[in-house]
C-alpha atoms as a PDB file:
ATOM      1  CA  MET A   1      23.226  -7.706  22.938  1.00  0.00           C
ATOM      2  CA  VAL A   2      20.575  -8.920  20.477  1.00  0.00           C
ATOM      3  CA  ASN A   3      19.490 -11.599  22.960  1.00  0.00           C
ATOM      4  CA  ILE A   4      18.864  -8.981  25.630  1.00  0.00           C
ATOM      5  CA  ILE A   5      16.698  -6.937  23.254  1.00  0.00           C
ATOM      6  CA  ILE A   6      14.683 -10.015  22.239  1.00  0.00           C
ATOM      7  CA  ILE A   7      14.177 -11.031  25.877  1.00  0.00           C
ATOM      8  CA  TYR A   8      13.096  -7.472  26.718  1.00  0.00           C
ATOM      9  CA  TYR A   9      10.421  -7.422  23.994  1.00  0.00           C
ATOM     10  CA  VAL A  10       9.161 -10.894  24.897  1.00  0.00           C
ATOM     11  CA  VAL A  11       8.848  -9.981  28.588  1.00  0.00           C
ATOM     12  CA  MET A  12       7.102  -6.681  27.764  1.00  0.00           C
ATOM     13  CA  SER A  13       4.692  -8.397  25.346  1.00  0.00           C
ATOM     14  CA  VAL A  14       3.775 -11.047  27.918  1.00  0.00           C
ATOM     15  CA  GLY A  15       3.312  -8.357  30.571  1.00  0.00           C
ATOM     16  CA  ILE A  16       1.003  -6.311  28.361  1.00  0.00           C
ATOM     17  CA  LEU A  17      -0.975  -9.417  27.442  1.00  0.00           C
ATOM     18  CA  ILE A  18      -1.411 -10.377  31.118  1.00  0.00           C
ATOM     19  CA  LEU A  19      -2.436  -6.821  32.031  1.00  0.00           C
ATOM     20  CA  ALA A  20      -4.996  -6.696  29.211  1.00  0.00           C
ATOM     21  CA  LEU A  21      -6.445 -10.076  30.161  1.00  0.00           C
ATOM     22  CA  LEU A  22      -6.729  -9.198  33.859  1.00  0.00           C
ATOM     23  CA  SER A  23      -8.336  -5.825  33.189  1.00  0.00           C
ATOM     24  CA  TRP A  24     -10.877  -7.428  30.838  1.00  0.00           C
ATOM     25  CA  LEU A  25     -11.789 -10.100  33.402  1.00  0.00           C
ATOM     26  CA  ILE A  26     -12.076  -7.629  36.285  1.00  0.00           C
ATOM     27  CA  TRP A  27     -14.221  -5.152  34.309  1.00  0.00           C
ATOM     28  CA  ASP A  28     -16.488  -7.884  32.997  1.00  0.00           C
ATOM     29  CA  LYS A  29     -17.071  -9.405  36.441  1.00  0.00           C
ATOM     30  CA  ARG A  30     -17.642  -6.050  38.097  1.00  0.00           C
ATOM     31  CA  PHE A  31     -20.246  -4.905  35.570  1.00  0.00           C
ATOM     32  CA  ARG A  32     -22.213  -8.084  34.905  1.00  0.00           C
ATOM     33  CA  ASN A  33     -22.742  -9.055  38.548  1.00  0.00           C
ATOM     34  CA  ARG A  34     -24.480  -5.789  39.376  1.00  0.00           C
ATOM     35  CA  HIS A  35     -27.783  -6.044  37.529  1.00  0.00           C
ATOM     36  CA  GLY A  36     -30.690  -8.394  37.191  1.00  0.00           C
ATOM     37  CA  GLN A  37     -34.372  -8.680  38.105  1.00  0.00           C
ATOM     38  CA  SER A  38     -34.455  -9.567  41.825  1.00  0.00           C
ATOM     39  CA  ILE A  39     -33.355  -6.773  44.153  1.00  0.00           C
ATOM     40  CA  PRO A  40     -31.095  -7.968  47.003  1.00  0.00           C
ATOM     41  CA  ASN A  41     -31.995  -7.172  50.612  1.00  0.00           C
ATOM     42  CA  GLY A  42     -30.817  -3.793  51.890  1.00  0.00           C
ATOM     43  CA  PHE A  43     -30.914  -1.980  48.547  1.00  0.00           C
ATOM     44  CA  ILE A  44     -32.984   1.216  48.237  1.00  0.00           C
ATOM     45  CA  ARG A  45     -34.441   2.533  44.971  1.00  0.00           C
ATOM     46  CA  THR A  46     -32.928   5.787  43.699  1.00  0.00           C
ATOM     47  CA  ASP A  47     -34.159   8.270  41.092  1.00  0.00           C
ATOM     48  CA  GLU A  48     -31.200   7.476  38.864  1.00  0.00           C
ATOM     49  CA  VAL A  49     -31.883   5.695  35.570  1.00  0.00           C
ATOM     50  CA  MET A  50     -29.110   4.902  33.098  1.00  0.00           C
ATOM     51  CA  VAL A  51     -28.885   3.348  29.654  1.00  0.00           C
ATOM     52  CA  ASP A  52     -26.616   0.317  29.352  1.00  0.00           C
ATOM     53  CA  PRO A  53     -24.242   1.143  26.469  1.00  0.00           C
ATOM     54  CA  THR A  54     -23.897  -2.517  25.429  1.00  0.00           C
ATOM     55  CA  THR A  55     -27.609  -3.422  25.263  1.00  0.00           C
ATOM     56  CA  ASN A  56     -29.283   0.036  25.053  1.00  0.00           C
ATOM     57  CA  LYS A  57     -31.701  -0.972  27.848  1.00  0.00           C
ATOM     58  CA  LYS A  58     -32.773   1.289  30.711  1.00  0.00           C
ATOM     59  CA  LEU A  59     -31.480   0.281  34.134  1.00  0.00           C
ATOM     60  CA  ARG A  60     -32.799   1.594  37.477  1.00  0.00           C
ATOM     61  CA  VAL A  61     -30.123   2.139  40.137  1.00  0.00           C
ATOM     62  CA  TYR A  62     -30.573   0.754  43.665  1.00  0.00           C
ATOM     63  CA  TYR A  63     -28.161   1.691  46.445  1.00  0.00           C
ATOM     64  CA  ASN A  64     -27.091  -0.055  49.654  1.00  0.00           C
ATOM     65  CA  HIS A  65     -26.124   2.690  52.092  1.00  0.00           C
ATOM     66  CA  HIS A  66     -24.386   0.226  54.466  1.00  0.00           C
ATOM     67  CA  THR A  67     -21.879  -1.121  51.924  1.00  0.00           C
ATOM     68  CA  GLY A  68     -21.945   1.599  49.247  1.00  0.00           C
ATOM     69  CA  GLU A  69     -22.751  -0.987  46.554  1.00  0.00           C
ATOM     70  CA  ARG A  70     -24.978  -0.227  43.583  1.00  0.00           C
ATOM     71  CA  PHE A  71     -27.400  -2.627  41.907  1.00  0.00           C
ATOM     72  CA  TYR A  72     -28.856  -2.169  38.423  1.00  0.00           C
ATOM     73  CA  LYS A  73     -32.332  -3.511  37.617  1.00  0.00           C
ATOM     74  CA  LYS A  74     -33.784  -3.526  34.115  1.00  0.00           C
ATOM     75  CA  GLU A  75     -36.616  -1.016  33.762  1.00  0.00           C
ATOM     76  CA  GLN A  76     -39.852  -2.039  32.047  1.00  0.00           C
END
């Protein structure tokens, strides 16, 4: 009975660790690949400006109406 409880907690701990690692990697990749200085083809400037919470820099939002993607360019 004790072995089953130990196995349960080990499996749950590994599962939570894997879930946390995957969510961190997915969020990081999704956010960091969407801003820079050169605007990709097909993106249109919008009136939306946001402040990046990690760097406190202003970012202009560009939108691609064909794919629905957003691109963030640092404002001067």
